[in-house]
């Protein structure tokens, strides 16, 4: 009884027809880039200052140049470390009074400007930019700057919420149906975001777009990997992610051509309507059809692939079967990911890797966007390095395996973050080069994790497994904007310290989790040991035990044995943060409980 892989070897593992389908589906990966990282341009915060109605009239009457106007009217202009003061505060002065002179008008009010009272901006802000962003339109600066973080967090929250249901839909009702439905909602929500009249409605539409856009990407990813033979599956999976990099590189040029955020949002949302044409040009996954006992449809699709590739269908196509565990059921559920010891180990380890790597990836992109001198060029350069990252994976994954590229890439990313701390701001080109090197390192890690995630699950729960594990990436993405932008208010290099610190620990986990048996497959090296015997699993279990013990000491009033106790659930969730630094987390949590 032939399997899908055996039939694909005869009709073409990656023939002309699969290449057409692959190139079509790559457009979905390209379209995800502006949704995932479009905040760099949509939420761009230009230099700004308080709007004072009387200043413009006084400047016109006195004939001041723009530099003189700023010098006479802004507080602490040129003082180091007081950028927020100049941007968010203004002198409590009535600039319409006639007693103000043209030469140092504030001298008549106080001998020293520092003696003049300051108040928050009363009449909005003036932005020094030819375009617009959600920051300039909704005044998301100063006390409301956190709303930009929330805008990006809503996308990742949508990714997370979508992963709870869309993966199940794709496994229950089919990859193609899920792909079409999510593409339609992605396009509609993107257009609604572009025309949103206020911040609240824009936030809700952005959340909706996040809930479906990642599901569309994952459905396309799973669909194309299930339509090609095993020999080409890995290459196709990597190139599908390269299409995402193409979207990032194109986004910088599109943002430069459209400096107004509403037009940019429309430009990246409208093309998604064309994905509905996949109904006629993209087949359903034959593997999924077989897993649902719909053998007749699977045979028709395989015969169609054979004809399009210029080959004859195999004679034994009618007895096509799926090489899967016969005990598997037709309706997937979350518990299927934890049903056996191997699946449990794979699920937990992949969750951990998704979480840590994705936080660094998004953090580096946002940090570069906030510190760049030329936003469009710097973003374009950092996107270009993702192409050699894919090349490194294609060249090394068969020759070296997964362990060493993962370890080295982690070290490169962490070292780049630490080197940027000691690089002079005057050497901007060097900062960009080092940042791009770190971006390439963490891109290699993310692409490998995504590749391995697809390989380690059977067809029956593959889409569900990818969505659930990658949900930890979304959880990290929810906190990353607040982590990066709020820490940068304290010190620009503080997020880099955090990113660099986690690299050695991840590298140690990667090396020490390699099995002693050299015959074990490299791709499952850190999954074949017992969970508690691996460096990663043992470390996490020890920290979990420590966190529970510590929380019992810090919170004796909480009943940890009650599943209905809401605070118990809060403590369980907070234990995730003990993975990073349990002692500091204990202090913070204890202060929170007692105060």
Foldseek 3Di string as FASTA:
>chain_A
DAAPQRQCVFLPQCFPLLVVLLVLLLVLLLLCLCLQQVLLQQVFAFQKAFDAVLLVVLCVVLVDDPVVSLVQWFPPPPPPPCSLRRHFKGFPDNSNDPCQDSPNRCCVVDVDPVPTDIDTRDHAMDGDDPADHCCRVQVCDDVNVCLSLLLNLLLLVLLLLLLQPLLLCCLQVFLVVLLLVLLVLLLVLLLCLLVPPHSVSNSVSSNSNSNRSVSNSLSSLLQSLLSGHPVCSLVSNLVSNLSNLVSQLVLLVLCVVHSYSSVSSNVSRNVSVVSNVCVPSGDTRLLSCQLQVNLVSSLVVSQVSSVVSVHHRDPPSSPYHHPDDPPDDSRDDPCVCVVDQLSVLLLVVLLVLLQLLLLLLSLLLSLCSNLPPDNSVLSNLLSVLQVVLSVCCVVCCVPPNDLVLLLVLLLLLLVLLVVLVVDDVVPNVVNSVSSSSNNSSSSNSVSLSLSLLQVSDDPSSSSSSSSNSNSSSSVSSSCSSVVQPVVVSVPSSVVSVLSNVCSVVVSVQSVQLADPPPVDHRSCRNSPDRQCPGPVSVLLVVLLVVLVVLCCVLCVVDDCVDPPDPVNVVSVVLSVVVSSPVVVSSVVVSVVVVD
